[in-house]
């Protein structure tokens, strides 16, 4: 099985780590030289520095005729173009991550096999919840192998006021977004978690409870 991971930082790092030992043919391409160097060192895999929207770069990376193509760019349009380019060189299935939830349906209608948006998933989850007052809610995907946790932060929690780098759950999952005052924030290591935030975390069923334990600790 050939899987291509295109662009992204923390999400790419997590996915590469998750599947590296299970996939015989893993192709990683990233246009950011520093991120490419980090992903290569951290996961012991070759990473090509190139543009995932360019057919020539994807072919040079060895992405043609792949079984699965994952576009993880923070630019929705770039993820869309990357997926369409991958399709043009024989990708059997393409998945794009997007920030704008309105693009989920648009991209699917335009031929993207699967579109993932944490804000969209959160909205679908809330709509179907019988109660939204629980501090922790979860949504299981892909036969319950992948879990998206929604954790609400309050003043009593030890993580309140800390940065993502200080919390450091990189071995357990990825904090994909922080919802604050009606806006979605795509975080980095220096992003601070504040009371009132809703934190969305992608993890596995095995690590779900470990992450909940970390975030539920009191001061």
Protein backbone atom coordinates (compact mmCIF):
# COMPACT_ATOMS: atom_id res chain seq x y z
CA UNK A 1 0.00 0.00 0.00
CA UNK A 2 1.37 3.38 -1.02
CA UNK A 3 0.37 6.38 1.13
CA UNK A 4 1.38 9.98 0.45
CA UNK A 5 1.44 12.62 3.21
CA UNK A 6 1.56 16.11 1.69
CA UNK A 7 2.34 19.26 3.72
CA UNK A 8 1.21 19.82 7.31
CA UNK A 9 3.29 19.94 10.48
CA UNK A 10 1.96 18.41 13.70
CA UNK A 11 -0.78 16.53 11.85
CA UNK A 12 1.76 15.13 9.39
CA UNK A 13 4.12 14.19 12.22
CA UNK A 14 1.37 12.29 14.01
CA UNK A 15 0.11 10.48 10.91
CA UNK A 16 3.62 9.50 9.80
CA UNK A 17 4.38 8.18 13.27
CA UNK A 18 1.07 6.32 13.37
CA UNK A 19 1.46 4.55 10.04
CA UNK A 20 5.22 4.43 9.43
CA UNK A 21 5.65 0.88 10.70
CA UNK A 22 2.44 -0.38 9.09
CA UNK A 23 2.86 0.90 5.53
CA UNK A 24 5.40 -0.52 3.13
CA UNK A 25 5.50 2.51 0.85
CA UNK A 26 5.17 5.87 2.63
CA UNK A 27 5.85 9.04 0.62
CA UNK A 28 6.21 12.38 2.41
CA UNK A 29 6.44 15.75 0.65
CA UNK A 30 6.54 19.19 2.26
CA UNK A 31 7.32 22.60 0.85
CA UNK A 32 8.76 23.94 4.12
CA UNK A 33 12.43 22.99 4.43
CA UNK A 34 12.51 23.26 8.25
CA UNK A 35 9.36 21.17 8.68
CA UNK A 36 10.61 18.61 6.16
CA UNK A 37 13.89 18.29 8.09
CA UNK A 38 12.00 17.86 11.39
CA UNK A 39 9.62 15.24 10.00
CA UNK A 40 12.50 13.29 8.52
CA UNK A 41 14.57 13.28 11.71
CA UNK A 42 11.66 12.65 14.06
CA UNK A 43 10.26 9.73 12.09
CA UNK A 44 13.35 8.37 10.31
CA UNK A 45 11.76 8.70 6.88
CA UNK A 46 12.89 10.50 3.72
CA UNK A 47 10.98 13.73 3.10
CA UNK A 48 11.10 15.50 -0.24
CA UNK A 49 11.06 19.29 -0.24
CA UNK A 50 8.56 20.21 -2.94
CA UNK A 51 5.15 21.62 -3.78
CA UNK A 52 2.29 19.16 -3.49
CA UNK A 53 0.27 21.18 -6.02
CA UNK A 54 2.84 20.59 -8.77
CA UNK A 55 2.51 17.40 -10.77
CA UNK A 56 6.25 17.27 -11.48
CA UNK A 57 7.10 17.43 -7.76
CA UNK A 58 4.61 14.71 -6.87
CA UNK A 59 5.99 12.45 -9.58
CA UNK A 60 9.56 13.14 -8.44
CA UNK A 61 8.55 12.20 -4.89
CA UNK A 62 7.07 8.94 -6.16
CA UNK A 63 3.45 9.76 -5.42
CA UNK A 64 1.95 8.55 -8.70
CA UNK A 65 -0.64 5.76 -8.56
CA UNK A 66 -0.75 5.89 -4.75
CA UNK A 67 -3.50 4.11 -2.83
CA UNK A 68 -4.12 7.07 -0.50
CA UNK A 69 -3.16 10.74 -0.77
CA UNK A 70 -3.47 12.99 2.31
CA UNK A 71 -3.34 16.77 1.79
CA UNK A 72 -2.75 18.50 5.14
CA UNK A 73 -2.10 22.09 4.09
CA UNK A 74 -3.39 24.98 6.23
CA UNK A 75 -4.57 26.55 2.96
CA UNK A 76 -7.86 24.94 1.91
CA UNK A 77 -7.40 25.79 -1.77
CA UNK A 78 -3.91 24.29 -1.77
CA UNK A 79 -5.25 21.05 -0.27
CA UNK A 80 -7.92 20.95 -2.97
CA UNK A 81 -5.44 21.53 -5.81
CA UNK A 82 -3.03 18.98 -4.34
CA UNK A 83 -5.78 16.34 -4.25
CA UNK A 84 -6.89 17.06 -7.81
CA UNK A 85 -3.26 16.92 -8.98
CA UNK A 86 -2.78 13.60 -7.19
CA UNK A 87 -5.93 12.27 -8.86
CA UNK A 88 -4.51 13.29 -12.25
CA UNK A 89 -1.47 11.05 -11.71
CA UNK A 90 -3.44 8.05 -10.57
CA UNK A 91 -4.21 8.42 -6.86
CA UNK A 92 -6.96 5.96 -5.98
CA UNK A 93 -8.30 7.88 -2.96
CA UNK A 94 -7.64 11.46 -1.83
CA UNK A 95 -8.35 13.13 1.50
CA UNK A 96 -8.12 16.86 2.19
CA UNK A 97 -8.12 18.70 5.50
CA UNK A 98 -9.82 22.09 5.48
CA UNK A 99 -10.25 24.95 7.93
CA UNK A 100 -13.44 26.45 6.51
CA UNK A 101 -16.35 24.07 7.24
CA UNK A 102 -18.22 25.40 4.20
CA UNK A 103 -15.59 23.79 2.01
CA UNK A 104 -16.48 20.27 3.19
CA UNK A 105 -19.48 19.92 0.90
CA UNK A 106 -17.96 22.06 -1.88
CA UNK A 107 -14.81 19.94 -2.12
CA UNK A 108 -16.76 16.68 -1.95
CA UNK A 109 -19.00 17.88 -4.78
CA UNK A 110 -15.85 18.72 -6.76
CA UNK A 111 -14.56 15.16 -6.51
CA UNK A 112 -12.49 14.97 -3.31
CA UNK A 113 -13.14 11.54 -1.79
CA UNK A 114 -13.06 12.66 1.84
CA UNK A 115 -12.85 16.11 3.41
CA UNK A 116 -11.98 16.53 7.10
CA UNK A 117 -12.67 19.70 9.06
CA UNK A 118 -12.47 19.79 12.85
CA UNK A 119 -14.97 22.66 13.09
CA UNK A 120 -17.44 20.82 10.85
CA UNK A 121 -17.06 17.63 12.89
CA UNK A 122 -17.59 19.61 16.07
CA UNK A 123 -20.78 21.12 14.67
CA UNK A 124 -22.10 17.70 13.66
CA UNK A 125 -21.24 16.31 17.07
CA UNK A 126 -22.95 19.11 18.99
CA UNK A 127 -26.04 18.86 16.84
CA UNK A 128 -26.43 15.18 17.73
CA UNK A 129 -25.57 15.40 21.41
CA UNK A 130 -28.34 14.95 23.95
CA UNK A 131 -26.32 17.12 26.33
CA UNK A 132 -23.50 19.55 25.48
CA UNK A 133 -22.63 20.36 29.06
CA UNK A 134 -20.13 17.52 29.49
CA UNK A 135 -16.55 18.71 29.70
CA UNK A 136 -15.33 15.95 27.41
CA UNK A 137 -17.09 14.62 24.35
CA UNK A 138 -15.72 12.35 21.67
CA UNK A 139 -16.44 11.32 18.11
CA UNK A 140 -15.08 8.05 16.73
CA UNK A 141 -14.06 7.63 13.10
CA UNK A 142 -12.79 4.83 10.86
CA UNK A 143 -14.24 1.92 12.85
CA UNK A 144 -13.37 3.65 16.16
CA UNK A 145 -9.63 3.60 15.46
CA UNK A 146 -9.43 7.39 15.43
CA UNK A 147 -11.07 9.61 18.06
CA UNK A 148 -11.70 13.35 18.06
CA UNK A 149 -11.94 14.71 21.59
CA UNK A 150 -13.67 17.98 22.45
CA UNK A 151 -12.43 19.28 25.80
CA UNK A 152 -13.76 22.43 27.45
CA UNK A 153 -11.28 24.38 29.53
CA UNK A 154 -12.13 26.11 32.79
CA UNK A 155 -10.21 27.98 35.51
CA UNK A 156 -9.78 24.93 37.75
CA UNK A 157 -7.79 22.87 35.25
CA UNK A 158 -4.00 22.63 35.41
CA UNK A 159 -3.66 23.13 31.65
CA UNK A 160 -5.34 26.55 31.84
CA UNK A 161 -2.79 29.21 30.85
CA UNK A 162 -0.22 26.74 29.55
CA UNK A 163 1.18 26.57 26.01
CA UNK A 164 0.90 23.47 23.84
CA UNK A 165 4.65 22.98 24.14
CA UNK A 166 4.33 22.91 27.94
CA UNK A 167 1.49 20.38 27.83
CA UNK A 168 3.28 18.27 25.18
CA UNK A 169 0.96 15.43 24.16
CA UNK A 170 2.76 14.83 20.84
CA UNK A 171 3.23 11.13 21.62
CA UNK A 172 -0.49 10.69 22.26
CA UNK A 173 -2.28 12.90 19.75
CA UNK A 174 -2.56 16.23 17.95
CA UNK A 175 -4.35 19.38 19.12
CA UNK A 176 -5.92 20.24 15.77
CA UNK A 177 -7.71 23.45 16.74
CA UNK A 178 -8.77 25.71 19.58
CA UNK A 179 -12.23 27.27 19.51
CA UNK A 180 -12.21 30.65 21.24
CA UNK A 181 -14.95 33.30 21.24
CA UNK A 182 -16.58 31.79 18.18
CA UNK A 183 -13.37 31.58 16.18
CA UNK A 184 -11.23 28.59 15.24
CA UNK A 185 -7.49 28.88 15.93
CA UNK A 186 -4.97 26.57 14.26
CA UNK A 187 -2.40 26.30 17.09
CA UNK A 188 1.35 25.92 17.25
CA UNK A 189 3.65 25.07 20.14
CA UNK A 190 3.48 28.58 21.56
CA UNK A 191 -0.33 28.79 21.48
CA UNK A 192 -1.79 29.21 24.96
CA UNK A 193 -4.85 27.39 26.24
CA UNK A 194 -7.23 29.68 28.12
CA UNK A 195 -10.32 29.28 30.26
CA UNK A 196 -13.40 29.19 28.05
CA UNK A 197 -11.57 27.50 25.17
CA UNK A 198 -12.78 24.32 23.53
CA UNK A 199 -9.83 22.18 22.45
CA UNK A 200 -10.16 19.62 19.66
CA UNK A 201 -7.70 16.72 19.83
CA UNK A 202 -7.19 13.89 17.33
CA UNK A 203 -5.95 10.66 18.93
CA UNK A 204 -6.41 6.90 18.93
CA UNK A 205 -8.83 4.88 21.04
CA UNK A 206 -5.84 3.50 22.97
CA UNK A 207 -4.61 6.95 24.01
CA UNK A 208 -7.99 8.63 24.53
CA UNK A 209 -8.13 8.16 28.31
CA UNK A 210 -4.50 9.22 28.78
CA UNK A 211 -5.23 12.56 27.13
CA UNK A 212 -8.41 13.04 29.15
CA UNK A 213 -6.46 12.38 32.35
CA UNK A 214 -3.91 15.06 31.40
CA UNK A 215 -6.54 17.67 30.62
CA UNK A 216 -8.77 16.92 33.64
CA UNK A 217 -6.02 17.41 36.20
CA UNK A 218 -6.85 20.16 38.68
CA UNK A 219 -4.48 22.93 39.72
